[in-house]
């Protein structure tokens, strides 16, 4: 299903959204974080708006894209929890075959 456009995008940013479905979701228990994985399709120029992963680790596998064409931005850990500041986010350029995870308590954007 199409993910919602959760906030107004900046001038020049695409309004295309990602499509996603969850394949598994293991809830957090005690001091152990939960784990979430699924499938996401990002058409060219699409944006996955920033999202907090809460008490769960999210796991991603990059299936198919041009080399270094998928940008992952993770909020600076010094930011107040749940806040995403594009200016201070840590950025990574990903390629087909890359695997990454978002640690519990972080905010990310693709």
Foldseek 3Di string as FASTA:
>chain_A
DWDDPPDDDDPPQDPAAKDWDWDDWAPADDQRAIETETDIDADPRHKHDKDAPARYKYKDAAAADAFQPDKKWKADPVDDQPDRDPVRTDIGRHHHGDMDMDHHRIMMMD
